[in-house]
Amino acid sequence: QVQPVESGGGLVQAGGSLRLSCAASGRTFSSYAMGWFRQAPEKEREFVAAISWSGNTFYADSVVGRFTISRDGAKNTVYLQMNSLKPEDTAVYYCAAKVGNALTALRSEYNYWGQGTQVTVSS
């Protein structure tokens, strides 16, 4: 079993950048596809980005061109680089691990979840 642990959230002004990290506790991430989701107050948790163990990526339309997901196998860590942040990006961001290599935006396909990290973008 793998346990994702997120870090790197915080408060940033609109137009700024943040990089979130997701480290593995327990087993290595190497055999899992990894995803980032976010949940704003009173909204459903939504897909942001995913990366396979082979490096393929997949993004929500709302973050294409602004966010980049990557993984460092040596550090057993997945990153979400967020640029040109907007107030509507404010949410708790969750890292999740999915058994297998296929990419998906479906929350139900992810097996292990972190506790989340708060990102707040001020206008």
C-alpha atoms as a PDB file:
ATOM      1  CA  GLN A   1       0.000   0.000   0.000  1.00  0.00           C
ATOM      2  CA  VAL A   2       1.192   3.513  -0.796  1.00  0.00           C
ATOM      3  CA  GLN A   3       0.319   6.679   1.098  1.00  0.00           C
ATOM      4  CA  PRO A   4       0.626  10.016  -0.710  1.00  0.00           C
ATOM      5  CA  VAL A   5       1.673  13.024   1.379  1.00  0.00           C
ATOM      6  CA  GLU A   6       1.194  16.495  -0.117  1.00  0.00           C
ATOM      7  CA  SER A   7       3.115  19.684   0.631  1.00  0.00           C
ATOM      8  CA  GLY A   8       3.775  23.086  -0.887  1.00  0.00           C
ATOM      9  CA  GLY A   9       0.417  24.798  -0.601  1.00  0.00           C
ATOM     10  CA  GLY A  10       0.033  28.370   0.550  1.00  0.00           C
ATOM     11  CA  LEU A  11      -1.223  31.847  -0.219  1.00  0.00           C
ATOM     12  CA  VAL A  12      -0.241  33.524  -3.498  1.00  0.00           C
ATOM     13  CA  GLN A  13      -1.420  36.518  -5.487  1.00  0.00           C
ATOM     14  CA  ALA A  14      -3.183  36.104  -8.803  1.00  0.00           C
ATOM     15  CA  GLY A  15      -0.658  35.593 -11.576  1.00  0.00           C
ATOM     16  CA  GLY A  16       1.826  33.948  -9.225  1.00  0.00           C
ATOM     17  CA  SER A  17       3.174  30.413  -9.046  1.00  0.00           C
ATOM     18  CA  LEU A  18       3.322  27.523  -6.606  1.00  0.00           C
ATOM     19  CA  ARG A  19       4.766  24.041  -6.791  1.00  0.00           C
ATOM     20  CA  LEU A  20       3.036  21.238  -4.965  1.00  0.00           C
ATOM     21  CA  SER A  21       4.852  18.058  -4.047  1.00  0.00           C
ATOM     22  CA  CYS A  22       3.508  14.602  -3.355  1.00  0.00           C
ATOM     23  CA  ALA A  23       5.842  12.173  -1.627  1.00  0.00           C
ATOM     24  CA  ALA A  24       5.247   8.477  -1.134  1.00  0.00           C
ATOM     25  CA  SER A  25       5.012   6.933   2.277  1.00  0.00           C
ATOM     26  CA  GLY A  26       5.177   3.168   2.194  1.00  0.00           C
ATOM     27  CA  ARG A  27       5.689   1.623  -1.202  1.00  0.00           C
ATOM     28  CA  THR A  28       7.249   3.371  -4.155  1.00  0.00           C
ATOM     29  CA  PHE A  29       5.096   5.278  -6.642  1.00  0.00           C
ATOM     30  CA  SER A  30       6.865   3.671  -9.577  1.00  0.00           C
ATOM     31  CA  SER A  31       4.104   1.207 -10.457  1.00  0.00           C
ATOM     32  CA  TYR A  32       1.234   3.672 -10.004  1.00  0.00           C
ATOM     33  CA  ALA A  33      -0.324   6.351 -12.149  1.00  0.00           C
ATOM     34  CA  MET A  34      -0.582   9.538 -10.114  1.00  0.00           C
ATOM     35  CA  GLY A  35      -3.168  12.280 -10.157  1.00  0.00           C
ATOM     36  CA  TRP A  36      -3.920  15.664  -8.675  1.00  0.00           C
ATOM     37  CA  PHE A  37      -7.441  16.688  -7.784  1.00  0.00           C
ATOM     38  CA  ARG A  38      -8.838  19.775  -6.080  1.00  0.00           C
ATOM     39  CA  GLN A  39     -11.882  20.676  -4.067  1.00  0.00           C
ATOM     40  CA  ALA A  40     -13.147  24.201  -3.545  1.00  0.00           C
ATOM     41  CA  PRO A  41     -15.622  25.016  -0.757  1.00  0.00           C
ATOM     42  CA  GLU A  42     -19.093  23.624  -1.456  1.00  0.00           C
ATOM     43  CA  LYS A  43     -17.948  22.086  -4.744  1.00  0.00           C
ATOM     44  CA  GLU A  44     -17.245  18.562  -5.902  1.00  0.00           C
ATOM     45  CA  ARG A  45     -13.689  17.292  -5.979  1.00  0.00           C
ATOM     46  CA  GLU A  46     -12.459  17.717  -9.549  1.00  0.00           C
ATOM     47  CA  PHE A  47      -9.644  16.331 -11.635  1.00  0.00           C
ATOM     48  CA  VAL A  48      -6.624  18.539 -12.344  1.00  0.00           C
ATOM     49  CA  ALA A  49      -3.858  16.435 -13.877  1.00  0.00           C
ATOM     50  CA  ALA A  50      -2.450  12.909 -14.069  1.00  0.00           C
ATOM     51  CA  ILE A  51       0.799  11.225 -15.018  1.00  0.00           C
ATOM     52  CA  SER A  52       1.533   7.590 -15.809  1.00  0.00           C
ATOM     53  CA  TRP A  53       4.576   5.716 -14.567  1.00  0.00           C
ATOM     54  CA  SER A  54       5.890   5.959 -18.138  1.00  0.00           C
ATOM     55  CA  GLY A  55       5.546   9.760 -18.166  1.00  0.00           C
ATOM     56  CA  ASN A  56       2.389  10.331 -20.195  1.00  0.00           C
ATOM     57  CA  THR A  57       0.324  13.245 -18.947  1.00  0.00           C
ATOM     58  CA  PHE A  58      -3.298  14.344 -19.017  1.00  0.00           C
ATOM     59  CA  TYR A  59      -4.816  17.673 -17.906  1.00  0.00           C
ATOM     60  CA  ALA A  60      -8.167  19.233 -17.202  1.00  0.00           C
ATOM     61  CA  ASP A  61      -9.047  21.869 -19.794  1.00  0.00           C
ATOM     62  CA  SER A  62      -9.090  24.564 -17.115  1.00  0.00           C
ATOM     63  CA  VAL A  63      -5.370  24.170 -16.351  1.00  0.00           C
ATOM     64  CA  VAL A  64      -3.893  23.362 -19.770  1.00  0.00           C
ATOM     65  CA  GLY A  65      -0.974  25.660 -20.481  1.00  0.00           C
ATOM     66  CA  ARG A  66      -0.719  26.797 -16.843  1.00  0.00           C
ATOM     67  CA  PHE A  67      -0.082  23.654 -14.790  1.00  0.00           C
ATOM     68  CA  THR A  68       2.537  20.960 -15.331  1.00  0.00           C
ATOM     69  CA  ILE A  69       2.614  17.563 -13.654  1.00  0.00           C
ATOM     70  CA  SER A  70       5.899  15.669 -13.383  1.00  0.00           C
ATOM     71  CA  ARG A  71       7.478  12.864 -11.394  1.00  0.00           C
ATOM     72  CA  ASP A  72      10.933  12.145 -10.048  1.00  0.00           C
ATOM     73  CA  GLY A  73      11.446   8.428  -9.632  1.00  0.00           C
ATOM     74  CA  ALA A  74      14.658   8.797  -7.692  1.00  0.00           C
ATOM     75  CA  LYS A  75      12.898  10.949  -5.091  1.00  0.00           C
ATOM     76  CA  ASN A  76       9.645   8.996  -5.282  1.00  0.00           C
ATOM     77  CA  THR A  77       7.838  12.314  -5.643  1.00  0.00           C
ATOM     78  CA  VAL A  78       5.248  13.797  -7.974  1.00  0.00           C
ATOM     79  CA  TYR A  79       5.011  17.540  -8.574  1.00  0.00           C
ATOM     80  CA  LEU A  80       2.383  19.973  -9.764  1.00  0.00           C
ATOM     81  CA  GLN A  81       3.863  23.222 -11.014  1.00  0.00           C
ATOM     82  CA  MET A  82       1.135  25.858 -11.086  1.00  0.00           C
ATOM     83  CA  ASN A  83       1.723  29.098 -12.983  1.00  0.00           C
ATOM     84  CA  SER A  84      -0.515  32.052 -13.827  1.00  0.00           C
ATOM     85  CA  LEU A  85      -2.705  31.215 -10.869  1.00  0.00           C
ATOM     86  CA  LYS A  86      -6.234  32.578 -10.713  1.00  0.00           C
ATOM     87  CA  PRO A  87      -8.581  33.099  -7.747  1.00  0.00           C
ATOM     88  CA  GLU A  88     -10.719  30.258  -9.106  1.00  0.00           C
ATOM     89  CA  ASP A  89      -7.777  27.904  -8.554  1.00  0.00           C
ATOM     90  CA  THR A  90      -8.309  28.297  -4.798  1.00  0.00           C
ATOM     91  CA  ALA A  91      -8.996  24.858  -3.332  1.00  0.00           C
ATOM     92  CA  VAL A  92      -7.610  22.013  -1.296  1.00  0.00           C
ATOM     93  CA  TYR A  93      -5.360  20.022  -3.622  1.00  0.00           C
ATOM     94  CA  TYR A  94      -5.167  16.261  -3.242  1.00  0.00           C
ATOM     95  CA  CYS A  95      -2.654  13.783  -4.581  1.00  0.00           C
ATOM     96  CA  ALA A  96      -3.872  10.305  -5.453  1.00  0.00           C
ATOM     97  CA  ALA A  97      -2.352   7.042  -6.622  1.00  0.00           C
ATOM     98  CA  LYS A  98      -3.940   4.630  -9.051  1.00  0.00           C
ATOM     99  CA  VAL A  99      -2.970   1.013  -9.605  1.00  0.00           C
ATOM    100  CA  GLY A 100      -1.916   0.485 -13.212  1.00  0.00           C
ATOM    101  CA  ASN A 101      -0.646   2.813 -15.929  1.00  0.00           C
ATOM    102  CA  ALA A 102      -3.841   4.064 -17.584  1.00  0.00           C
ATOM    103  CA  LEU A 103      -4.674   7.730 -17.106  1.00  0.00           C
ATOM    104  CA  THR A 104      -8.130   8.794 -16.029  1.00  0.00           C
ATOM    105  CA  ALA A 105      -9.968  11.769 -14.558  1.00  0.00           C
ATOM    106  CA  LEU A 106     -12.364   9.543 -12.609  1.00  0.00           C
ATOM    107  CA  ARG A 107     -11.978   9.872  -8.839  1.00  0.00           C
ATOM    108  CA  SER A 108     -13.296   6.354  -8.307  1.00  0.00           C
ATOM    109  CA  GLU A 109     -10.347   4.875 -10.218  1.00  0.00           C
ATOM    110  CA  TYR A 110      -7.800   6.162  -7.710  1.00  0.00           C
ATOM    111  CA  ASN A 111      -7.002   3.854  -4.823  1.00  0.00           C
ATOM    112  CA  TYR A 112      -4.977   5.932  -2.375  1.00  0.00           C
ATOM    113  CA  TRP A 113      -5.393   9.568  -1.364  1.00  0.00           C
ATOM    114  CA  GLY A 114      -3.410  12.125   0.579  1.00  0.00           C
ATOM    115  CA  GLN A 115      -4.818  14.503   3.171  1.00  0.00           C
ATOM    116  CA  GLY A 116      -4.626  17.548   0.929  1.00  0.00           C
ATOM    117  CA  THR A 117      -2.865  20.899   0.941  1.00  0.00           C
ATOM    118  CA  GLN A 118      -4.576  24.285   0.814  1.00  0.00           C
ATOM    119  CA  VAL A 119      -3.913  26.646  -2.079  1.00  0.00           C
ATOM    120  CA  THR A 120      -5.345  30.141  -1.822  1.00  0.00           C
ATOM    121  CA  VAL A 121      -5.049  32.654  -4.671  1.00  0.00           C
ATOM    122  CA  SER A 122      -5.872  36.250  -3.802  1.00  0.00           C
ATOM    123  CA  SER A 123      -7.149  38.728  -6.376  1.00  0.00           C
END
